[in-house]
Amino acid sequence: MCIQPKNPSQNLKKNIFKRSCKFLKNVGVPTETVALAVFSCCLKL
C-alpha cells in the first residue's frame, strides 16, 4: 500500500495507525472512509 518506512518512529506511527483502522472498522466506519484515511496518511508520510 505505502512505501515501507525505514525509520522506527515512522514504523511506530504506522502500527498505531493500523490499530486505529481496526478500531474504526469495529466501530462500524465504512471501509471507503478507512481507505481514504489510509491513503491520506500515506501521503503525509
PDB file of N, CA and C in Angstrom:
ATOM      1  N   MET A   1       0.825  -1.204   0.000  1.00  0.00           N
ATOM      2  CA  MET A   1       0.000   0.000   0.000  1.00  0.00           C
ATOM      3  C   MET A   1       0.862   1.258   0.000  1.00  0.00           C
ATOM      4  N   CYS A   2       1.714   1.425   1.019  1.00  0.00           N
ATOM      5  CA  CYS A   2       2.646   2.554   1.019  1.00  0.00           C
ATOM      6  C   CYS A   2       4.066   2.018   1.010  1.00  0.00           C
ATOM      7  N   ILE A   3       5.006   2.904   0.765  1.00  0.00           N
ATOM      8  CA  ILE A   3       6.425   2.549   0.838  1.00  0.00           C
ATOM      9  C   ILE A   3       6.764   2.252   2.291  1.00  0.00           C
ATOM     10  N   GLN A   4       7.502   1.164   2.518  1.00  0.00           N
ATOM     11  CA  GLN A   4       7.862   0.775   3.887  1.00  0.00           C
ATOM     12  C   GLN A   4       8.856   1.779   4.476  1.00  0.00           C
ATOM     13  N   PRO A   5       8.518   2.425   5.574  1.00  0.00           N
ATOM     14  CA  PRO A   5       9.463   3.359   6.197  1.00  0.00           C
ATOM     15  C   PRO A   5      10.590   2.620   6.907  1.00  0.00           C
ATOM     16  N   LYS A   6      11.810   3.138   6.776  1.00  0.00           N
ATOM     17  CA  LYS A   6      12.968   2.514   7.410  1.00  0.00           C
ATOM     18  C   LYS A   6      13.070   2.961   8.862  1.00  0.00           C
ATOM     19  N   ASN A   7      12.591   4.172   9.113  1.00  0.00           N
ATOM     20  CA  ASN A   7      12.825   4.813  10.400  1.00  0.00           C
ATOM     21  C   ASN A   7      11.815   4.334  11.444  1.00  0.00           C
ATOM     22  N   PRO A   8      12.299   3.953  12.620  1.00  0.00           N
ATOM     23  CA  PRO A   8      11.457   3.307  13.646  1.00  0.00           C
ATOM     24  C   PRO A   8      10.258   4.138  14.090  1.00  0.00           C
ATOM     25  N   SER A   9      10.415   5.448  14.183  1.00  0.00           N
ATOM     26  CA  SER A   9       9.289   6.275  14.631  1.00  0.00           C
ATOM     27  C   SER A   9       8.169   6.242  13.597  1.00  0.00           C
ATOM     28  N   GLN A  10       8.530   6.160  12.316  1.00  0.00           N
ATOM     29  CA  GLN A  10       7.503   6.045  11.276  1.00  0.00           C
ATOM     30  C   GLN A  10       6.824   4.687  11.349  1.00  0.00           C
ATOM     31  N   ASN A  11       7.613   3.643  11.646  1.00  0.00           N
ATOM     32  CA  ASN A  11       7.020   2.313  11.815  1.00  0.00           C
ATOM     33  C   ASN A  11       6.029   2.319  12.965  1.00  0.00           C
ATOM     34  N   LEU A  12       6.394   2.986  14.046  1.00  0.00           N
ATOM     35  CA  LEU A  12       5.516   3.084  15.209  1.00  0.00           C
ATOM     36  C   LEU A  12       4.219   3.786  14.828  1.00  0.00           C
ATOM     37  N   LYS A  13       4.332   4.900  14.111  1.00  0.00           N
ATOM     38  CA  LYS A  13       3.146   5.620  13.663  1.00  0.00           C
ATOM     39  C   LYS A  13       2.267   4.718  12.816  1.00  0.00           C
ATOM     40  N   LYS A  14       2.917   3.930  11.945  1.00  0.00           N
ATOM     41  CA  LYS A  14       2.184   3.051  11.050  1.00  0.00           C
ATOM     42  C   LYS A  14       1.427   1.991  11.840  1.00  0.00           C
ATOM     43  N   ASN A  15       2.077   1.425  12.867  1.00  0.00           N
ATOM     44  CA  ASN A  15       1.430   0.411  13.701  1.00  0.00           C
ATOM     45  C   ASN A  15       0.237   0.989  14.445  1.00  0.00           C
ATOM     46  N   ILE A  16       0.410   2.185  14.998  1.00  0.00           N
ATOM     47  CA  ILE A  16      -0.687   2.855  15.702  1.00  0.00           C
ATOM     48  C   ILE A  16      -1.838   3.100  14.724  1.00  0.00           C
ATOM     49  N   PHE A  17      -1.477   3.511  13.502  1.00  0.00           N
ATOM     50  CA  PHE A  17      -2.494   3.795  12.500  1.00  0.00           C
ATOM     51  C   PHE A  17      -3.257   2.535  12.121  1.00  0.00           C
ATOM     52  N   LYS A  18      -2.535   1.415  11.966  1.00  0.00           N
ATOM     53  CA  LYS A  18      -3.198   0.147  11.642  1.00  0.00           C
ATOM     54  C   LYS A  18      -4.174  -0.237  12.734  1.00  0.00           C
ATOM     55  N   ARG A  19      -3.748  -0.062  13.995  1.00  0.00           N
ATOM     56  CA  ARG A  19      -4.627  -0.397  15.122  1.00  0.00           C
ATOM     57  C   ARG A  19      -5.855   0.483  15.124  1.00  0.00           C
ATOM     58  N   SER A  20      -5.670   1.777  14.860  1.00  0.00           N
ATOM     59  CA  SER A  20      -6.824   2.669  14.875  1.00  0.00           C
ATOM     60  C   SER A  20      -7.762   2.342  13.719  1.00  0.00           C
ATOM     61  N   CYS A  21      -7.207   1.871  12.593  1.00  0.00           N
ATOM     62  CA  CYS A  21      -8.061   1.446  11.475  1.00  0.00           C
ATOM     63  C   CYS A  21      -8.920   0.261  11.868  1.00  0.00           C
ATOM     64  N   LYS A  22      -8.310  -0.716  12.552  1.00  0.00           N
ATOM     65  CA  LYS A  22      -9.068  -1.884  13.016  1.00  0.00           C
ATOM     66  C   LYS A  22     -10.168  -1.436  13.966  1.00  0.00           C
ATOM     67  N   PHE A  23      -9.829  -0.502  14.853  1.00  0.00           N
ATOM     68  CA  PHE A  23     -10.799   0.022  15.808  1.00  0.00           C
ATOM     69  C   PHE A  23     -11.960   0.687  15.072  1.00  0.00           C
ATOM     70  N   LEU A  24     -11.636   1.523  14.081  1.00  0.00           N
ATOM     71  CA  LEU A  24     -12.678   2.208  13.316  1.00  0.00           C
ATOM     72  C   LEU A  24     -13.585   1.212  12.611  1.00  0.00           C
ATOM     73  N   LYS A  25     -12.996   0.153  12.042  1.00  0.00           N
ATOM     74  CA  LYS A  25     -13.805  -0.863  11.367  1.00  0.00           C
ATOM     75  C   LYS A  25     -14.727  -1.556  12.357  1.00  0.00           C
ATOM     76  N   ASN A  26     -14.205  -1.846  13.559  1.00  0.00           N
ATOM     77  CA  ASN A  26     -15.020  -2.498  14.586  1.00  0.00           C
ATOM     78  C   ASN A  26     -16.179  -1.615  15.017  1.00  0.00           C
ATOM     79  N   VAL A  27     -15.928  -0.317  15.085  1.00  0.00           N
ATOM     80  CA  VAL A  27     -16.971   0.632  15.467  1.00  0.00           C
ATOM     81  C   VAL A  27     -18.045   0.717  14.377  1.00  0.00           C
ATOM     82  N   GLY A  28     -17.659   0.432  13.137  1.00  0.00           N
ATOM     83  CA  GLY A  28     -18.637   0.405  12.046  1.00  0.00           C
ATOM     84  C   GLY A  28     -18.478   1.545  11.060  1.00  0.00           C
ATOM     85  N   VAL A  29     -17.276   2.104  10.989  1.00  0.00           N
ATOM     86  CA  VAL A  29     -16.999   3.141   9.996  1.00  0.00           C
ATOM     87  C   VAL A  29     -16.886   2.458   8.627  1.00  0.00           C
ATOM     88  N   PRO A  30     -17.482   3.024   7.585  1.00  0.00           N
ATOM     89  CA  PRO A  30     -17.423   2.400   6.260  1.00  0.00           C
ATOM     90  C   PRO A  30     -15.989   2.208   5.765  1.00  0.00           C
ATOM     91  N   THR A  31     -15.761   1.120   5.029  1.00  0.00           N
ATOM     92  CA  THR A  31     -14.429   0.784   4.536  1.00  0.00           C
ATOM     93  C   THR A  31     -13.872   1.887   3.646  1.00  0.00           C
ATOM     94  N   GLU A  32     -14.731   2.552   2.875  1.00  0.00           N
ATOM     95  CA  GLU A  32     -14.276   3.634   1.994  1.00  0.00           C
ATOM     96  C   GLU A  32     -13.625   4.739   2.813  1.00  0.00           C
ATOM     97  N   THR A  33     -14.245   5.066   3.949  1.00  0.00           N
ATOM     98  CA  THR A  33     -13.711   6.107   4.824  1.00  0.00           C
ATOM     99  C   THR A  33     -12.343   5.710   5.346  1.00  0.00           C
ATOM    100  N   VAL A  34     -12.222   4.446   5.765  1.00  0.00           N
ATOM    101  CA  VAL A  34     -10.953   3.939   6.282  1.00  0.00           C
ATOM    102  C   VAL A  34      -9.898   3.968   5.184  1.00  0.00           C
ATOM    103  N   ALA A  35     -10.268   3.541   3.970  1.00  0.00           N
ATOM    104  CA  ALA A  35      -9.339   3.530   2.840  1.00  0.00           C
ATOM    105  C   ALA A  35      -8.863   4.947   2.528  1.00  0.00           C
ATOM    106  N   LEU A  36      -9.773   5.894   2.576  1.00  0.00           N
ATOM    107  CA  LEU A  36      -9.429   7.288   2.328  1.00  0.00           C
ATOM    108  C   LEU A  36      -8.460   7.796   3.389  1.00  0.00           C
ATOM    109  N   ALA A  37      -8.718   7.437   4.642  1.00  0.00           N
ATOM    110  CA  ALA A  37      -7.840   7.830   5.742  1.00  0.00           C
ATOM    111  C   ALA A  37      -6.449   7.237   5.565  1.00  0.00           C
ATOM    112  N   VAL A  38      -6.380   5.961   5.173  1.00  0.00           N
ATOM    113  CA  VAL A  38      -5.092   5.302   4.940  1.00  0.00           C
ATOM    114  C   VAL A  38      -4.345   6.012   3.824  1.00  0.00           C
ATOM    115  N   PHE A  39      -5.054   6.343   2.755  1.00  0.00           N
ATOM    116  CA  PHE A  39      -4.438   7.000   1.609  1.00  0.00           C
ATOM    117  C   PHE A  39      -3.856   8.354   2.005  1.00  0.00           C
ATOM    118  N   SER A  40      -4.622   9.156   2.742  1.00  0.00           N
ATOM    119  CA  SER A  40      -4.138  10.473   3.152  1.00  0.00           C
ATOM    120  C   SER A  40      -2.975  10.345   4.124  1.00  0.00           C
ATOM    121  N   CYS A  41      -3.003   9.295   4.974  1.00  0.00           N
ATOM    122  CA  CYS A  41      -1.898   9.044   5.898  1.00  0.00           C
ATOM    123  C   CYS A  41      -0.629   8.734   5.118  1.00  0.00           C
ATOM    124  N   CYS A  42      -0.748   7.917   4.084  1.00  0.00           N
ATOM    125  CA  CYS A  42       0.413   7.557   3.267  1.00  0.00           C
ATOM    126  C   CYS A  42       0.994   8.781   2.576  1.00  0.00           C
ATOM    127  N   LEU A  43       0.143   9.692   2.167  1.00  0.00           N
ATOM    128  CA  LEU A  43       0.624  10.917   1.533  1.00  0.00           C
ATOM    129  C   LEU A  43       1.414  11.771   2.517  1.00  0.00           C
ATOM    130  N   LYS A  44       0.966  11.807   3.772  1.00  0.00           N
ATOM    131  CA  LYS A  44       1.671  12.592   4.795  1.00  0.00           C
ATOM    132  C   LYS A  44       3.041  12.010   5.107  1.00  0.00           C
ATOM    133  N   LEU A  45       3.147  10.665   5.126  1.00  0.00           N
ATOM    134  CA  LEU A  45       4.437  10.011   5.365  1.00  0.00           C
ATOM    135  C   LEU A  45       5.301  10.219   4.136  1.00  0.00           C
TER     136      LEU A  45
END
